PDB file of N, CA and C in Angstrom:
ATOM      1  N   MET A   1     -77.673 150.311 -11.758  1.00  0.00           N
ATOM      2  CA  MET A   1     -79.120 150.687 -11.848  1.00  0.00           C
ATOM      3  C   MET A   1     -79.389 151.032 -10.447  1.00  0.00           C
ATOM      4  N   VAL A   2     -80.251 152.084 -10.290  1.00  0.00           N
ATOM      5  CA  VAL A   2     -80.841 152.543  -8.925  1.00  0.00           C
ATOM      6  C   VAL A   2     -82.015 152.387  -8.848  1.00  0.00           C
ATOM      7  N   LEU A   3     -82.583 151.424  -7.988  1.00  0.00           N
ATOM      8  CA  LEU A   3     -84.027 151.150  -7.570  1.00  0.00           C
ATOM      9  C   LEU A   3     -84.650 152.418  -7.028  1.00  0.00           C
ATOM     10  N   PRO A   4     -86.142 152.656  -7.652  1.00  0.00           N
ATOM     11  CA  PRO A   4     -87.087 153.759  -6.736  1.00  0.00           C
ATOM     12  C   PRO A   4     -87.183 153.231  -5.401  1.00  0.00           C
ATOM     13  N   THR A   5     -87.301 154.165  -4.484  1.00  0.00           N
ATOM     14  CA  THR A   5     -87.446 153.954  -3.304  1.00  0.00           C
ATOM     15  C   THR A   5     -88.491 152.898  -2.889  1.00  0.00           C
ATOM     16  N   TYR A   6     -89.371 152.951  -3.424  1.00  0.00           N
ATOM     17  CA  TYR A   6     -90.593 152.120  -3.308  1.00  0.00           C
ATOM     18  C   TYR A   6     -90.280 150.572  -3.568  1.00  0.00           C
ATOM     19  N   LEU A   7     -89.297 150.478  -4.161  1.00  0.00           N
ATOM     20  CA  LEU A   7     -88.888 149.068  -4.656  1.00  0.00           C
ATOM     21  C   LEU A   7     -87.757 148.326  -3.768  1.00  0.00           C
ATOM     22  N   LYS A   8     -87.401 149.277  -2.856  1.00  0.00           N
ATOM     23  CA  LYS A   8     -86.136 148.820  -2.103  1.00  0.00           C
ATOM     24  C   LYS A   8     -87.071 148.346  -0.856  1.00  0.00           C
ATOM     25  N   ARG A   9     -86.408 147.047  -0.422  1.00  0.00           N
ATOM     26  CA  ARG A   9     -86.938 146.361   0.630  1.00  0.00           C
ATOM     27  C   ARG A   9     -85.830 145.631   1.385  1.00  0.00           C
ATOM     28  N   ASP A  10     -85.673 145.718   2.574  1.00  0.00           N
ATOM     29  CA  ASP A  10     -84.716 144.813   3.523  1.00  0.00           C
ATOM     30  C   ASP A  10     -85.473 143.802   3.823  1.00  0.00           C
ATOM     31  N   MET A  11     -84.870 142.463   3.727  1.00  0.00           N
ATOM     32  CA  MET A  11     -85.286 141.293   3.971  1.00  0.00           C
ATOM     33  C   MET A  11     -84.491 140.599   5.169  1.00  0.00           C
ATOM     34  N   LYS A  12     -85.096 139.979   6.089  1.00  0.00           N
ATOM     35  CA  LYS A  12     -84.312 139.367   7.153  1.00  0.00           C
ATOM     36  C   LYS A  12     -84.621 137.749   6.842  1.00  0.00           C
ATOM     37  N   PHE A  13     -83.532 136.721   6.990  1.00  0.00           N
ATOM     38  CA  PHE A  13     -83.813 135.505   6.977  1.00  0.00           C
ATOM     39  C   PHE A  13     -83.119 134.629   8.186  1.00  0.00           C
ATOM     40  N   GLY A  14     -83.571 133.637   8.327  1.00  0.00           N
ATOM     41  CA  GLY A  14     -82.873 132.642   9.503  1.00  0.00           C
ATOM     42  C   GLY A  14     -83.254 131.308   9.412  1.00  0.00           C
ATOM     43  N   THR A  15     -82.828 130.336  10.105  1.00  0.00           N
ATOM     44  CA  THR A  15     -83.036 129.085  10.191  1.00  0.00           C
ATOM     45  C   THR A  15     -83.116 128.646  11.555  1.00  0.00           C
ATOM     46  N   TRP A  16     -83.916 127.485  11.937  1.00  0.00           N
ATOM     47  CA  TRP A  16     -84.280 127.075  13.110  1.00  0.00           C
ATOM     48  C   TRP A  16     -84.457 125.370  13.002  1.00  0.00           C
ATOM     49  N   ASN A  17     -83.766 124.739  13.911  1.00  0.00           N
ATOM     50  CA  ASN A  17     -83.943 123.313  14.206  1.00  0.00           C
ATOM     51  C   ASN A  17     -84.965 123.157  15.120  1.00  0.00           C
ATOM     52  N   ILE A  18     -86.341 123.170  14.794  1.00  0.00           N
ATOM     53  CA  ILE A  18     -87.431 123.255  15.778  1.00  0.00           C
ATOM     54  C   ILE A  18     -87.966 121.968  16.301  1.00  0.00           C
ATOM     55  N   SER A  19     -88.022 120.904  15.631  1.00  0.00           N
ATOM     56  CA  SER A  19     -88.315 119.504  15.867  1.00  0.00           C
ATOM     57  C   SER A  19     -89.359 119.246  16.826  1.00  0.00           C
ATOM     58  N   SER A  20     -90.282 120.282  17.146  1.00  0.00           N
ATOM     59  CA  SER A  20     -91.577 120.069  17.877  1.00  0.00           C
ATOM     60  C   SER A  20     -92.819 120.623  17.236  1.00  0.00           C
ATOM     61  N   LEU A  21     -92.904 120.783  16.039  1.00  0.00           N
ATOM     62  CA  LEU A  21     -94.285 121.711  15.543  1.00  0.00           C
ATOM     63  C   LEU A  21     -95.419 120.486  15.577  1.00  0.00           C
ATOM     64  N   TYR A  22     -95.414 119.392  15.986  1.00  0.00           N
ATOM     65  CA  TYR A  22     -96.353 118.214  15.844  1.00  0.00           C
ATOM     66  C   TYR A  22     -97.340 118.697  17.082  1.00  0.00           C
ATOM     67  N   ARG A  23     -96.768 119.336  18.364  1.00  0.00           N
ATOM     68  CA  ARG A  23     -97.777 119.886  19.228  1.00  0.00           C
ATOM     69  C   ARG A  23     -98.807 120.845  18.749  1.00  0.00           C
ATOM     70  N   SER A  24     -99.719 120.752  19.426  1.00  0.00           N
ATOM     71  CA  SER A  24    -101.240 121.686  19.248  1.00  0.00           C
ATOM     72  C   SER A  24    -100.544 123.136  19.583  1.00  0.00           C
ATOM     73  N   GLY A  25    -100.713 124.053  18.560  1.00  0.00           N
ATOM     74  CA  GLY A  25    -100.379 125.428  18.781  1.00  0.00           C
ATOM     75  C   GLY A  25     -99.095 125.794  18.695  1.00  0.00           C
ATOM     76  N   SER A  26     -98.154 124.935  18.439  1.00  0.00           N
ATOM     77  CA  SER A  26     -96.668 125.323  18.345  1.00  0.00           C
ATOM     78  C   SER A  26     -96.225 125.989  16.879  1.00  0.00           C
ATOM     79  N   LEU A  27     -97.041 125.564  15.877  1.00  0.00           N
ATOM     80  CA  LEU A  27     -96.998 126.659  14.598  1.00  0.00           C
ATOM     81  C   LEU A  27     -97.232 127.949  14.852  1.00  0.00           C
ATOM     82  N   THR A  28     -98.295 128.376  15.524  1.00  0.00           N
ATOM     83  CA  THR A  28     -98.776 129.641  15.849  1.00  0.00           C
ATOM     84  C   THR A  28     -97.554 130.226  16.775  1.00  0.00           C
ATOM     85  N   THR A  29     -97.013 129.489  17.731  1.00  0.00           N
ATOM     86  CA  THR A  29     -95.921 130.243  18.597  1.00  0.00           C
ATOM     87  C   THR A  29     -94.641 130.295  17.493  1.00  0.00           C
ATOM     88  N   ALA A  30     -94.421 129.535  16.701  1.00  0.00           N
ATOM     89  CA  ALA A  30     -93.040 129.634  15.793  1.00  0.00           C
ATOM     90  C   ALA A  30     -93.524 130.965  15.009  1.00  0.00           C
ATOM     91  N   ALA A  31     -94.657 131.259  14.425  1.00  0.00           N
ATOM     92  CA  ALA A  31     -94.943 132.318  13.569  1.00  0.00           C
ATOM     93  C   ALA A  31     -94.779 133.544  14.506  1.00  0.00           C
ATOM     94  N   ARG A  32     -95.330 133.596  15.794  1.00  0.00           N
ATOM     95  CA  ARG A  32     -95.222 134.695  16.800  1.00  0.00           C
ATOM     96  C   ARG A  32     -93.686 135.089  16.909  1.00  0.00           C
ATOM     97  N   GLU A  33     -92.793 134.017  17.206  1.00  0.00           N
ATOM     98  CA  GLU A  33     -91.181 134.231  17.333  1.00  0.00           C
ATOM     99  C   GLU A  33     -90.722 134.763  15.993  1.00  0.00           C
ATOM    100  N   LEU A  34     -91.085 134.209  15.008  1.00  0.00           N
ATOM    101  CA  LEU A  34     -90.478 135.075  13.713  1.00  0.00           C
ATOM    102  C   LEU A  34     -90.953 136.583  13.461  1.00  0.00           C
ATOM    103  N   ALA A  35     -92.229 136.598  13.920  1.00  0.00           N
ATOM    104  CA  ALA A  35     -92.707 138.232  14.017  1.00  0.00           C
ATOM    105  C   ALA A  35     -91.901 138.932  14.962  1.00  0.00           C
ATOM    106  N   ARG A  36     -91.838 138.321  16.147  1.00  0.00           N
ATOM    107  CA  ARG A  36     -90.977 139.097  17.292  1.00  0.00           C
ATOM    108  C   ARG A  36     -89.596 139.592  16.526  1.00  0.00           C
ATOM    109  N   TYR A  37     -88.983 138.518  15.908  1.00  0.00           N
ATOM    110  CA  TYR A  37     -87.423 138.997  15.367  1.00  0.00           C
ATOM    111  C   TYR A  37     -87.608 139.671  13.888  1.00  0.00           C
ATOM    112  N   LYS A  38     -88.649 139.890  13.468  1.00  0.00           N
ATOM    113  CA  LYS A  38     -89.215 140.683  12.249  1.00  0.00           C
ATOM    114  C   LYS A  38     -88.293 139.853  11.236  1.00  0.00           C
ATOM    115  N   LEU A  39     -88.495 138.453  11.228  1.00  0.00           N
ATOM    116  CA  LEU A  39     -87.883 137.518  10.045  1.00  0.00           C
ATOM    117  C   LEU A  39     -89.100 137.448   8.894  1.00  0.00           C
ATOM    118  N   ASP A  40     -88.535 137.700   7.825  1.00  0.00           N
ATOM    119  CA  ASP A  40     -89.321 137.356   6.667  1.00  0.00           C
ATOM    120  C   ASP A  40     -89.463 135.965   6.182  1.00  0.00           C
ATOM    121  N   LEU A  41     -88.336 135.398   6.427  1.00  0.00           N
ATOM    122  CA  LEU A  41     -88.285 133.605   5.939  1.00  0.00           C
ATOM    123  C   LEU A  41     -87.358 133.077   6.777  1.00  0.00           C
ATOM    124  N   ALA A  42     -87.739 131.979   7.168  1.00  0.00           N
ATOM    125  CA  ALA A  42     -87.094 131.054   7.902  1.00  0.00           C
ATOM    126  C   ALA A  42     -86.989 129.707   7.565  1.00  0.00           C
ATOM    127  N   GLY A  43     -85.966 128.923   7.179  1.00  0.00           N
ATOM    128  CA  GLY A  43     -85.981 127.615   6.855  1.00  0.00           C
ATOM    129  C   GLY A  43     -85.964 126.678   8.173  1.00  0.00           C
ATOM    130  N   VAL A  44     -86.800 125.843   8.363  1.00  0.00           N
ATOM    131  CA  VAL A  44     -86.991 124.900   9.637  1.00  0.00           C
ATOM    132  C   VAL A  44     -86.740 123.603   9.327  1.00  0.00           C
ATOM    133  N   GLN A  45     -85.747 122.786  10.283  1.00  0.00           N
ATOM    134  CA  GLN A  45     -85.553 121.534  10.109  1.00  0.00           C
ATOM    135  C   GLN A  45     -86.182 120.887  11.042  1.00  0.00           C
ATOM    136  N   GLU A  46     -86.310 119.669  10.855  1.00  0.00           N
ATOM    137  CA  GLU A  46     -86.795 118.547  11.821  1.00  0.00           C
ATOM    138  C   GLU A  46     -88.008 118.987  12.302  1.00  0.00           C
ATOM    139  N   VAL A  47     -89.142 119.364  11.572  1.00  0.00           N
ATOM    140  CA  VAL A  47     -90.379 119.879  12.053  1.00  0.00           C
ATOM    141  C   VAL A  47     -91.237 118.873  12.520  1.00  0.00           C
ATOM    142  N   TRP A  48     -91.195 117.679  12.220  1.00  0.00           N
ATOM    143  CA  TRP A  48     -92.052 116.611  12.651  1.00  0.00           C
ATOM    144  C   TRP A  48     -93.458 117.106  12.537  1.00  0.00           C
ATOM    145  N   LEU A  49     -93.794 117.907  11.370  1.00  0.00           N
ATOM    146  CA  LEU A  49     -95.356 118.047  11.091  1.00  0.00           C
ATOM    147  C   LEU A  49     -95.419 117.741   9.442  1.00  0.00           C
ATOM    148  N   ASP A  50     -95.873 116.988   8.905  1.00  0.00           N
ATOM    149  CA  ASP A  50     -95.762 116.332   7.702  1.00  0.00           C
ATOM    150  C   ASP A  50     -97.126 116.487   6.753  1.00  0.00           C
ATOM    151  N   THR A  51     -97.203 117.847   6.490  1.00  0.00           N
ATOM    152  CA  THR A  51     -98.417 118.149   5.659  1.00  0.00           C
ATOM    153  C   THR A  51     -98.321 117.967   4.210  1.00  0.00           C
ATOM    154  N   GLY A  52     -97.073 118.412   3.742  1.00  0.00           N
ATOM    155  CA  GLY A  52     -96.745 118.217   2.461  1.00  0.00           C
ATOM    156  C   GLY A  52     -97.411 119.338   1.721  1.00  0.00           C
ATOM    157  N   SER A  53     -98.000 120.248   2.246  1.00  0.00           N
ATOM    158  CA  SER A  53     -98.655 121.362   1.416  1.00  0.00           C
ATOM    159  C   SER A  53     -98.200 122.732   2.266  1.00  0.00           C
ATOM    160  N   ARG A  54     -99.184 123.703   2.145  1.00  0.00           N
ATOM    161  CA  ARG A  54     -98.940 124.865   2.410  1.00  0.00           C
ATOM    162  C   ARG A  54     -99.992 125.295   3.558  1.00  0.00           C
ATOM    163  N   VAL A  55     -99.691 125.818   4.744  1.00  0.00           N
ATOM    164  CA  VAL A  55    -100.457 126.198   5.681  1.00  0.00           C
ATOM    165  C   VAL A  55    -100.206 127.809   6.279  1.00  0.00           C
ATOM    166  N   THR A  56    -101.428 128.508   6.332  1.00  0.00           N
ATOM    167  CA  THR A  56    -101.365 129.838   6.620  1.00  0.00           C
ATOM    168  C   THR A  56    -101.293 129.931   8.083  1.00  0.00           C
ATOM    169  N   VAL A  57    -100.494 130.682   8.992  1.00  0.00           N
ATOM    170  CA  VAL A  57    -100.880 130.843  10.278  1.00  0.00           C
ATOM    171  C   VAL A  57    -100.208 132.419  10.548  1.00  0.00           C
ATOM    172  N   GLY A  58    -101.219 133.105  10.983  1.00  0.00           N
ATOM    173  CA  GLY A  58    -100.782 134.684  11.147  1.00  0.00           C
ATOM    174  C   GLY A  58    -100.352 135.002  10.120  1.00  0.00           C
ATOM    175  N   ASN A  59     -99.382 135.910  10.291  1.00  0.00           N
ATOM    176  CA  ASN A  59     -98.760 136.565   8.912  1.00  0.00           C
ATOM    177  C   ASN A  59     -97.919 135.759   7.981  1.00  0.00           C
ATOM    178  N   TYR A  60     -97.681 134.360   8.545  1.00  0.00           N
ATOM    179  CA  TYR A  60     -96.683 133.651   7.898  1.00  0.00           C
ATOM    180  C   TYR A  60     -97.329 132.508   6.926  1.00  0.00           C
ATOM    181  N   ASN A  61     -96.962 132.034   5.947  1.00  0.00           N
ATOM    182  CA  ASN A  61     -97.096 130.881   5.312  1.00  0.00           C
ATOM    183  C   ASN A  61     -96.123 129.569   5.435  1.00  0.00           C
ATOM    184  N   PHE A  62     -96.726 128.331   5.803  1.00  0.00           N
ATOM    185  CA  PHE A  62     -95.687 127.360   6.102  1.00  0.00           C
ATOM    186  C   PHE A  62     -95.751 126.466   4.977  1.00  0.00           C
ATOM    187  N   PHE A  63     -94.704 126.118   4.364  1.00  0.00           N
ATOM    188  CA  PHE A  63     -94.466 125.160   3.299  1.00  0.00           C
ATOM    189  C   PHE A  63     -93.616 124.249   3.974  1.00  0.00           C
ATOM    190  N   ASP A  64     -93.740 122.928   3.525  1.00  0.00           N
ATOM    191  CA  ASP A  64     -93.176 121.881   3.882  1.00  0.00           C
ATOM    192  C   ASP A  64     -93.189 120.686   2.890  1.00  0.00           C
ATOM    193  N   ARG A  65     -92.235 119.710   3.094  1.00  0.00           N
ATOM    194  CA  ARG A  65     -92.321 118.451   1.840  1.00  0.00           C
ATOM    195  C   ARG A  65     -92.624 117.262   2.949  1.00  0.00           C
ATOM    196  N   LYS A  66     -92.860 116.325   2.458  1.00  0.00           N
ATOM    197  CA  LYS A  66     -93.196 115.007   3.061  1.00  0.00           C
ATOM    198  C   LYS A  66     -91.976 114.479   3.397  1.00  0.00           C
ATOM    199  N   GLY A  67     -91.844 113.958   4.568  1.00  0.00           N
ATOM    200  CA  GLY A  67     -90.743 113.107   4.976  1.00  0.00           C
ATOM    201  C   GLY A  67     -90.948 111.804   4.869  1.00  0.00           C
ATOM    202  N   ASN A  68     -90.466 110.788   5.551  1.00  0.00           N
ATOM    203  CA  ASN A  68     -90.489 109.541   5.449  1.00  0.00           C
ATOM    204  C   ASN A  68     -91.692 108.924   6.290  1.00  0.00           C
ATOM    205  N   GLU A  69     -92.022 107.650   6.294  1.00  0.00           N
ATOM    206  CA  GLU A  69     -93.121 106.961   6.827  1.00  0.00           C
ATOM    207  C   GLU A  69     -93.229 107.321   8.371  1.00  0.00           C
ATOM    208  N   ASN A  70     -92.065 107.287   9.061  1.00  0.00           N
ATOM    209  CA  ASN A  70     -91.961 107.965  10.357  1.00  0.00           C
ATOM    210  C   ASN A  70     -92.025 109.442  10.903  1.00  0.00           C
ATOM    211  N   HIS A  71     -92.470 110.321   9.788  1.00  0.00           N
ATOM    212  CA  HIS A  71     -92.488 111.700   9.971  1.00  0.00           C
ATOM    213  C   HIS A  71     -91.037 112.214  10.195  1.00  0.00           C
ATOM    214  N   GLN A  72     -90.071 111.726   9.854  1.00  0.00           N
ATOM    215  CA  GLN A  72     -88.782 112.177   9.947  1.00  0.00           C
ATOM    216  C   GLN A  72     -88.339 113.034   8.535  1.00  0.00           C
ATOM    217  N   LEU A  73     -87.145 113.669   8.862  1.00  0.00           N
ATOM    218  CA  LEU A  73     -86.427 114.393   7.643  1.00  0.00           C
ATOM    219  C   LEU A  73     -87.265 115.411   7.199  1.00  0.00           C
ATOM    220  N   VAL A  74     -88.369 115.963   7.561  1.00  0.00           N
ATOM    221  CA  VAL A  74     -89.349 116.960   7.012  1.00  0.00           C
ATOM    222  C   VAL A  74     -88.571 118.224   7.083  1.00  0.00           C
ATOM    223  N   THR A  75     -88.375 119.036   6.053  1.00  0.00           N
ATOM    224  CA  THR A  75     -88.054 120.276   6.099  1.00  0.00           C
ATOM    225  C   THR A  75     -89.022 121.318   5.712  1.00  0.00           C
ATOM    226  N   GLY A  76     -89.037 122.616   6.006  1.00  0.00           N
ATOM    227  CA  GLY A  76     -89.804 123.372   5.435  1.00  0.00           C
ATOM    228  C   GLY A  76     -89.694 124.860   5.613  1.00  0.00           C
ATOM    229  N   SER A  77     -90.316 125.806   5.140  1.00  0.00           N
ATOM    230  CA  SER A  77     -89.889 127.086   5.272  1.00  0.00           C
ATOM    231  C   SER A  77     -91.222 127.800   5.930  1.00  0.00           C
ATOM    232  N   LEU A  78     -91.128 128.804   6.609  1.00  0.00           N
ATOM    233  CA  LEU A  78     -92.094 129.764   7.013  1.00  0.00           C
ATOM    234  C   LEU A  78     -91.635 131.184   6.532  1.00  0.00           C
ATOM    235  N   VAL A  79     -92.830 131.707   5.350  1.00  0.00           N
ATOM    236  CA  VAL A  79     -92.452 132.671   4.581  1.00  0.00           C
ATOM    237  C   VAL A  79     -93.478 133.668   5.065  1.00  0.00           C
ATOM    238  N   HIS A  80     -93.100 134.930   5.416  1.00  0.00           N
ATOM    239  CA  HIS A  80     -94.199 136.137   5.346  1.00  0.00           C
ATOM    240  C   HIS A  80     -95.015 136.397   4.187  1.00  0.00           C
ATOM    241  N   HIS A  81     -96.141 136.657   4.561  1.00  0.00           N
ATOM    242  CA  HIS A  81     -97.298 136.513   3.488  1.00  0.00           C
ATOM    243  C   HIS A  81     -96.994 137.888   2.463  1.00  0.00           C
ATOM    244  N   ARG A  82     -96.259 138.878   2.980  1.00  0.00           N
ATOM    245  CA  ARG A  82     -95.820 139.834   1.933  1.00  0.00           C
ATOM    246  C   ARG A  82     -94.927 139.546   0.621  1.00  0.00           C
ATOM    247  N   ILE A  83     -94.202 138.368   0.894  1.00  0.00           N
ATOM    248  CA  ILE A  83     -93.102 137.647  -0.153  1.00  0.00           C
ATOM    249  C   ILE A  83     -93.926 136.651  -0.823  1.00  0.00           C
ATOM    250  N   VAL A  84     -94.797 135.962  -0.599  1.00  0.00           N
ATOM    251  CA  VAL A  84     -95.532 134.844  -1.050  1.00  0.00           C
ATOM    252  C   VAL A  84     -96.264 135.398  -2.298  1.00  0.00           C
ATOM    253  N   ILE A  85     -96.170 134.765  -3.471  1.00  0.00           N
ATOM    254  CA  ILE A  85     -96.901 134.798  -4.793  1.00  0.00           C
ATOM    255  C   ILE A  85     -98.128 134.198  -4.637  1.00  0.00           C
ATOM    256  N   SER A  86     -99.170 134.458  -4.609  1.00  0.00           N
ATOM    257  CA  SER A  86    -100.451 133.855  -4.607  1.00  0.00           C
ATOM    258  C   SER A  86    -100.666 132.959  -5.899  1.00  0.00           C
ATOM    259  N   SER A  87    -101.141 131.842  -5.836  1.00  0.00           N
ATOM    260  CA  SER A  87    -101.409 131.088  -7.082  1.00  0.00           C
ATOM    261  C   SER A  87    -103.032 130.973  -7.164  1.00  0.00           C
TER     262      SER A  87
END
């Protein structure tokens, strides 16, 4: 099956062991770096940001899951808004 041109889309994925998103402005900096590399989705580990929800920053949505009581073991994803399905 051949897709029409308007449905074809390249996507770039990455991973990042970031461990410092608890600092003020660091999530914005991370989103800026992803935009610079033109990444659509990045899995991030050891983020130390424990929202357990969705946060919008720039053109990205940050999703994470709750870690333990010491804010450890938190993983998340930064996803470009064009591939996030709104609910």
